[in-house]
N, C-alpha and C. Protein backbone atom coordinates (compact mmCIF):
# COMPACT_ATOMS: atom_id res chain seq x y z
N MET A 1 61.48 28.46 152.66
CA MET A 1 62.25 28.50 151.44
C MET A 1 63.54 29.28 151.67
N THR A 2 64.64 28.74 151.23
CA THR A 2 65.93 29.39 151.38
C THR A 2 66.09 30.49 150.34
N ARG A 3 66.59 31.61 150.75
CA ARG A 3 66.79 32.74 149.85
C ARG A 3 68.22 32.75 149.33
N SER A 4 68.40 33.25 148.10
CA SER A 4 69.75 33.40 147.55
C SER A 4 70.35 34.69 148.08
N ARG A 5 71.56 35.01 147.65
CA ARG A 5 72.26 36.21 148.11
C ARG A 5 71.47 37.49 147.86
N ASN A 6 70.81 37.57 146.73
CA ASN A 6 70.10 38.81 146.40
C ASN A 6 68.63 38.79 146.81
N GLY A 7 68.21 37.73 147.51
CA GLY A 7 66.86 37.67 148.03
C GLY A 7 65.80 37.29 147.01
N ALA A 8 66.18 36.77 145.85
CA ALA A 8 65.24 36.46 144.78
C ALA A 8 64.76 35.01 144.82
N GLY A 9 64.95 34.29 145.89
CA GLY A 9 64.55 32.88 145.94
C GLY A 9 65.76 31.98 145.70
N THR A 10 65.52 30.68 145.67
CA THR A 10 66.63 29.77 145.43
C THR A 10 66.96 29.72 143.95
N ARG A 11 68.14 29.33 143.64
CA ARG A 11 68.56 29.26 142.23
C ARG A 11 67.77 28.20 141.48
N ARG A 12 67.41 27.12 142.15
CA ARG A 12 66.70 26.02 141.48
C ARG A 12 65.28 26.43 141.07
N THR A 13 64.76 27.49 141.65
CA THR A 13 63.40 27.92 141.28
C THR A 13 63.44 28.99 140.19
N THR A 14 64.62 29.37 139.74
CA THR A 14 64.74 30.37 138.68
C THR A 14 65.03 29.69 137.34
N THR A 15 65.01 30.47 136.29
CA THR A 15 65.21 29.94 134.95
C THR A 15 66.70 29.72 134.67
N PRO A 16 67.07 28.51 134.21
CA PRO A 16 68.48 28.27 133.89
C PRO A 16 68.86 28.93 132.56
N ILE A 17 70.14 29.14 132.36
CA ILE A 17 70.67 29.64 131.10
C ILE A 17 71.25 28.45 130.36
N THR A 18 70.89 28.27 129.11
CA THR A 18 71.41 27.17 128.30
C THR A 18 72.58 27.70 127.48
N VAL A 19 73.67 26.98 127.49
CA VAL A 19 74.85 27.37 126.73
C VAL A 19 75.12 26.29 125.69
N TRP A 20 75.16 26.69 124.43
CA TRP A 20 75.45 25.75 123.35
C TRP A 20 76.95 25.74 123.13
N CYS A 21 77.54 24.55 123.14
CA CYS A 21 78.98 24.45 122.92
C CYS A 21 79.31 23.09 122.32
N LEU A 22 80.50 23.01 121.77
CA LEU A 22 80.99 21.75 121.19
C LEU A 22 81.40 20.81 122.33
N PRO A 23 81.44 19.51 122.05
CA PRO A 23 81.88 18.57 123.09
C PRO A 23 83.26 18.91 123.65
N SER A 24 84.16 19.34 122.79
CA SER A 24 85.51 19.70 123.28
C SER A 24 85.46 20.92 124.19
N GLU A 25 84.58 21.87 123.87
CA GLU A 25 84.43 23.07 124.71
C GLU A 25 83.82 22.70 126.05
N ARG A 26 82.85 21.80 126.02
CA ARG A 26 82.22 21.35 127.27
C ARG A 26 83.25 20.66 128.17
N ALA A 27 84.08 19.81 127.56
CA ALA A 27 85.11 19.11 128.34
C ALA A 27 86.07 20.12 128.97
N GLU A 28 86.41 21.15 128.21
CA GLU A 28 87.32 22.18 128.73
C GLU A 28 86.66 22.97 129.87
N ILE A 29 85.38 23.31 129.72
CA ILE A 29 84.65 24.02 130.78
C ILE A 29 84.59 23.15 132.03
N GLU A 30 84.30 21.87 131.87
CA GLU A 30 84.23 20.96 133.01
C GLU A 30 85.60 20.79 133.67
N ARG A 31 86.66 20.76 132.87
CA ARG A 31 88.02 20.64 133.41
C ARG A 31 88.36 21.87 134.25
N HIS A 32 88.01 23.04 133.74
CA HIS A 32 88.27 24.28 134.48
C HIS A 32 87.49 24.31 135.80
N ALA A 33 86.26 23.83 135.76
CA ALA A 33 85.44 23.81 136.97
C ALA A 33 86.04 22.87 138.01
N ARG A 34 86.45 21.67 137.57
CA ARG A 34 87.09 20.73 138.50
C ARG A 34 88.36 21.31 139.08
N ALA A 35 89.15 21.98 138.23
CA ALA A 35 90.40 22.57 138.69
C ALA A 35 90.16 23.65 139.73
N ALA A 36 89.04 24.33 139.62
CA ALA A 36 88.70 25.38 140.60
C ALA A 36 87.98 24.80 141.81
N GLY A 37 87.70 23.49 141.79
CA GLY A 37 87.02 22.86 142.92
C GLY A 37 85.54 23.22 142.98
N MET A 38 84.94 23.47 141.83
CA MET A 38 83.54 23.90 141.79
C MET A 38 82.76 23.03 140.82
N SER A 39 81.43 23.09 140.93
CA SER A 39 80.60 22.43 139.93
C SER A 39 80.67 23.27 138.66
N THR A 40 80.29 22.67 137.54
CA THR A 40 80.31 23.39 136.27
C THR A 40 79.38 24.60 136.33
N SER A 41 78.20 24.39 136.88
CA SER A 41 77.22 25.47 136.99
C SER A 41 77.75 26.62 137.85
N ALA A 42 78.30 26.28 139.02
CA ALA A 42 78.83 27.31 139.91
C ALA A 42 79.99 28.06 139.27
N ASN A 43 80.85 27.33 138.57
CA ASN A 43 82.00 27.96 137.93
C ASN A 43 81.54 28.94 136.85
N LEU A 44 80.63 28.50 135.98
CA LEU A 44 80.13 29.38 134.92
C LEU A 44 79.42 30.60 135.50
N ARG A 45 78.64 30.40 136.56
CA ARG A 45 77.94 31.51 137.20
C ARG A 45 78.93 32.51 137.78
N GLU A 46 79.93 32.01 138.51
CA GLU A 46 80.91 32.89 139.15
C GLU A 46 81.73 33.65 138.11
N VAL A 47 82.17 32.96 137.05
CA VAL A 47 82.94 33.61 136.00
C VAL A 47 82.06 34.64 135.28
N GLY A 48 80.79 34.28 135.06
CA GLY A 48 79.86 35.17 134.37
C GLY A 48 79.57 36.46 135.11
N VAL A 49 79.64 36.42 136.43
CA VAL A 49 79.39 37.65 137.20
C VAL A 49 80.68 38.35 137.59
N GLY A 50 81.79 37.90 137.02
CA GLY A 50 83.05 38.62 137.21
C GLY A 50 83.98 38.07 138.28
N TYR A 51 83.62 36.97 138.91
CA TYR A 51 84.50 36.36 139.92
C TYR A 51 85.56 35.55 139.21
N GLU A 52 86.81 35.69 139.62
CA GLU A 52 87.89 34.92 139.01
C GLU A 52 88.35 33.85 139.99
N PRO A 53 88.02 32.57 139.71
CA PRO A 53 88.39 31.50 140.63
C PRO A 53 89.91 31.40 140.80
N ARG A 54 90.34 31.12 142.01
CA ARG A 54 91.76 30.92 142.29
C ARG A 54 92.16 29.50 141.93
N SER A 55 93.45 29.32 141.75
CA SER A 55 93.92 27.97 141.46
C SER A 55 93.75 27.08 142.68
N VAL A 56 93.64 25.80 142.42
CA VAL A 56 93.47 24.82 143.48
C VAL A 56 94.74 23.99 143.56
N VAL A 57 95.29 23.88 144.75
CA VAL A 57 96.51 23.11 144.94
C VAL A 57 96.14 21.66 145.25
N ASP A 58 96.80 20.76 144.59
CA ASP A 58 96.58 19.33 144.82
C ASP A 58 97.49 18.91 145.97
N TYR A 59 96.93 18.80 147.17
CA TYR A 59 97.72 18.52 148.36
C TYR A 59 98.35 17.13 148.34
N GLU A 60 97.73 16.21 147.62
CA GLU A 60 98.32 14.88 147.49
C GLU A 60 99.66 14.97 146.75
N GLN A 61 99.69 15.79 145.70
CA GLN A 61 100.93 15.97 144.95
C GLN A 61 101.97 16.72 145.77
N VAL A 62 101.54 17.63 146.63
CA VAL A 62 102.48 18.32 147.53
C VAL A 62 103.14 17.30 148.45
N ALA A 63 102.36 16.35 148.96
CA ALA A 63 102.91 15.31 149.83
C ALA A 63 103.91 14.44 149.07
N VAL A 64 103.57 14.07 147.83
CA VAL A 64 104.49 13.28 147.00
C VAL A 64 105.78 14.05 146.78
N LEU A 65 105.66 15.33 146.47
CA LEU A 65 106.83 16.16 146.23
C LEU A 65 107.70 16.28 147.48
N THR A 66 107.08 16.41 148.64
CA THR A 66 107.82 16.51 149.89
C THR A 66 108.59 15.22 150.18
N ARG A 67 107.92 14.06 149.99
CA ARG A 67 108.60 12.78 150.22
C ARG A 67 109.75 12.58 149.23
N THR A 68 109.53 12.97 147.99
CA THR A 68 110.57 12.81 146.98
C THR A 68 111.76 13.72 147.29
N HIS A 69 111.46 14.91 147.77
CA HIS A 69 112.54 15.83 148.16
C HIS A 69 113.38 15.24 149.28
N ALA A 70 112.71 14.63 150.25
CA ALA A 70 113.43 13.99 151.36
C ALA A 70 114.29 12.84 150.84
N ASP A 71 113.76 12.06 149.89
CA ASP A 71 114.54 10.97 149.29
C ASP A 71 115.78 11.51 148.59
N LEU A 72 115.61 12.59 147.85
CA LEU A 72 116.77 13.18 147.16
C LEU A 72 117.81 13.66 148.16
N ASN A 73 117.37 14.23 149.27
CA ASN A 73 118.33 14.68 150.30
C ASN A 73 119.12 13.49 150.85
N ARG A 74 118.42 12.38 151.11
CA ARG A 74 119.12 11.20 151.63
C ARG A 74 120.11 10.65 150.61
N LEU A 75 119.67 10.59 149.35
CA LEU A 75 120.56 10.08 148.30
C LEU A 75 121.75 11.02 148.09
N GLY A 76 121.52 12.30 148.17
CA GLY A 76 122.62 13.27 148.06
C GLY A 76 123.61 13.10 149.20
N GLY A 77 123.09 12.80 150.39
CA GLY A 77 123.96 12.54 151.54
C GLY A 77 124.83 11.32 151.32
N LEU A 78 124.23 10.28 150.74
CA LEU A 78 125.01 9.07 150.44
C LEU A 78 126.11 9.37 149.41
N LEU A 79 125.78 10.16 148.41
CA LEU A 79 126.76 10.51 147.38
C LEU A 79 127.89 11.35 147.99
N LYS A 80 127.54 12.28 148.85
CA LYS A 80 128.56 13.11 149.51
C LYS A 80 129.48 12.23 150.36
N MET A 81 128.88 11.28 151.09
CA MET A 81 129.67 10.38 151.91
C MET A 81 130.62 9.58 151.03
N TRP A 82 130.14 9.12 149.89
CA TRP A 82 130.99 8.36 148.98
C TRP A 82 132.15 9.20 148.48
N LEU A 83 131.89 10.46 148.16
CA LEU A 83 132.94 11.32 147.61
C LEU A 83 134.01 11.68 148.64
N THR A 84 133.63 11.73 149.92
CA THR A 84 134.58 12.12 150.95
C THR A 84 135.20 10.94 151.69
N ASN A 85 134.71 9.74 151.46
CA ASN A 85 135.17 8.56 152.18
C ASN A 85 136.41 7.97 151.51
N GLU A 86 137.33 7.52 152.33
CA GLU A 86 138.53 6.88 151.82
C GLU A 86 138.21 5.55 151.13
N GLU A 87 137.29 4.80 151.73
CA GLU A 87 136.92 3.51 151.16
C GLU A 87 135.79 3.75 150.16
N ARG A 88 136.11 3.76 148.91
CA ARG A 88 135.14 4.05 147.86
C ARG A 88 134.21 2.85 147.65
N ILE A 89 132.97 3.15 147.29
CA ILE A 89 132.05 2.06 146.98
C ILE A 89 132.30 1.60 145.54
N ARG A 90 131.83 0.43 145.25
CA ARG A 90 132.05 -0.13 143.92
C ARG A 90 131.24 0.62 142.87
N PRO A 91 131.74 0.72 141.64
CA PRO A 91 131.01 1.42 140.57
C PRO A 91 129.57 0.97 140.35
N PRO A 92 129.27 -0.35 140.42
CA PRO A 92 127.86 -0.72 140.24
C PRO A 92 126.95 -0.10 141.32
N ASP A 93 127.47 -0.01 142.56
CA ASP A 93 126.70 0.62 143.63
C ASP A 93 126.50 2.10 143.34
N LEU A 94 127.54 2.73 142.83
CA LEU A 94 127.46 4.15 142.48
C LEU A 94 126.46 4.36 141.35
N GLU A 95 126.48 3.49 140.36
CA GLU A 95 125.54 3.61 139.24
C GLU A 95 124.10 3.48 139.72
N ARG A 96 123.86 2.55 140.65
CA ARG A 96 122.51 2.40 141.20
C ARG A 96 122.08 3.65 141.97
N LEU A 97 123.02 4.21 142.74
CA LEU A 97 122.73 5.42 143.50
C LEU A 97 122.39 6.58 142.57
N LEU A 98 123.19 6.76 141.53
CA LEU A 98 122.93 7.83 140.58
C LEU A 98 121.60 7.62 139.85
N LYS A 99 121.26 6.36 139.56
CA LYS A 99 119.98 6.05 138.91
C LYS A 99 118.83 6.41 139.84
N ARG A 100 118.97 6.10 141.12
CA ARG A 100 117.92 6.45 142.10
C ARG A 100 117.76 7.96 142.21
N ILE A 101 118.87 8.69 142.17
CA ILE A 101 118.80 10.15 142.22
C ILE A 101 118.09 10.68 140.98
N GLU A 102 118.42 10.13 139.83
CA GLU A 102 117.79 10.56 138.58
C GLU A 102 116.28 10.26 138.60
N ASP A 103 115.90 9.07 139.08
CA ASP A 103 114.49 8.70 139.16
C ASP A 103 113.73 9.63 140.12
N ALA A 104 114.32 9.90 141.27
CA ALA A 104 113.67 10.78 142.24
C ALA A 104 113.54 12.20 141.69
N SER A 105 114.54 12.64 140.97
CA SER A 105 114.48 13.97 140.36
C SER A 105 113.35 14.04 139.34
N GLN A 106 113.20 13.01 138.52
CA GLN A 106 112.11 12.98 137.53
C GLN A 106 110.76 12.96 138.22
N LYS A 107 110.65 12.24 139.32
CA LYS A 107 109.41 12.18 140.07
C LYS A 107 109.06 13.55 140.64
N MET A 108 110.07 14.29 141.10
CA MET A 108 109.83 15.64 141.60
C MET A 108 109.31 16.55 140.49
N ILE A 109 109.90 16.45 139.33
CA ILE A 109 109.47 17.29 138.20
C ILE A 109 108.02 16.99 137.84
N GLU A 110 107.65 15.72 137.79
CA GLU A 110 106.28 15.33 137.46
C GLU A 110 105.30 15.81 138.52
N SER A 111 105.66 15.66 139.79
CA SER A 111 104.78 16.10 140.88
C SER A 111 104.62 17.61 140.89
N ALA A 112 105.70 18.32 140.63
CA ALA A 112 105.64 19.78 140.62
C ALA A 112 104.69 20.26 139.53
N GLY A 113 104.66 19.57 138.42
CA GLY A 113 103.75 19.94 137.34
C GLY A 113 102.29 19.69 137.66
N LYS A 114 102.02 18.82 138.63
CA LYS A 114 100.65 18.47 138.98
C LYS A 114 100.13 19.20 140.21
N ILE A 115 101.01 19.92 140.90
CA ILE A 115 100.59 20.56 142.15
C ILE A 115 99.47 21.57 141.93
N VAL A 116 99.69 22.49 141.05
CA VAL A 116 98.66 23.47 140.75
C VAL A 116 97.92 22.96 139.54
N ARG A 117 96.66 22.60 139.73
CA ARG A 117 95.87 22.00 138.66
C ARG A 117 95.54 23.00 137.57
N SER A 118 95.17 24.22 137.95
CA SER A 118 94.77 25.19 136.94
C SER A 118 94.76 26.59 137.52
N ARG A 119 94.80 27.56 136.67
CA ARG A 119 94.67 28.97 137.08
C ARG A 119 93.60 29.59 136.18
N THR A 120 92.38 29.07 136.29
CA THR A 120 91.29 29.51 135.44
C THR A 120 90.70 30.80 135.91
């Protein structure tokens, strides 16, 4: 039989604690647990004994943010080239370039908001 940290046996052989809550409260507890990368039970146990879970970084969103940043750098380079070049590009091309910069900027803002899931 596997022993727990305090030597009292496994957790599954001990008595569970029942928590009564509203469906909205349960959803919030589950969201916090997912954000901390833990099961609901583990999260409640850790919080209950005074452990404060750290935030979890969404590495997929970090990758999206990095690619978007690179896109913005390339688009900024094109805009700089247009501003310093004697042969100016046509306004419709400039409008498309500015639209792409605006879209990439919005994508960065959205990704930045999703990087850190929670600080529960």
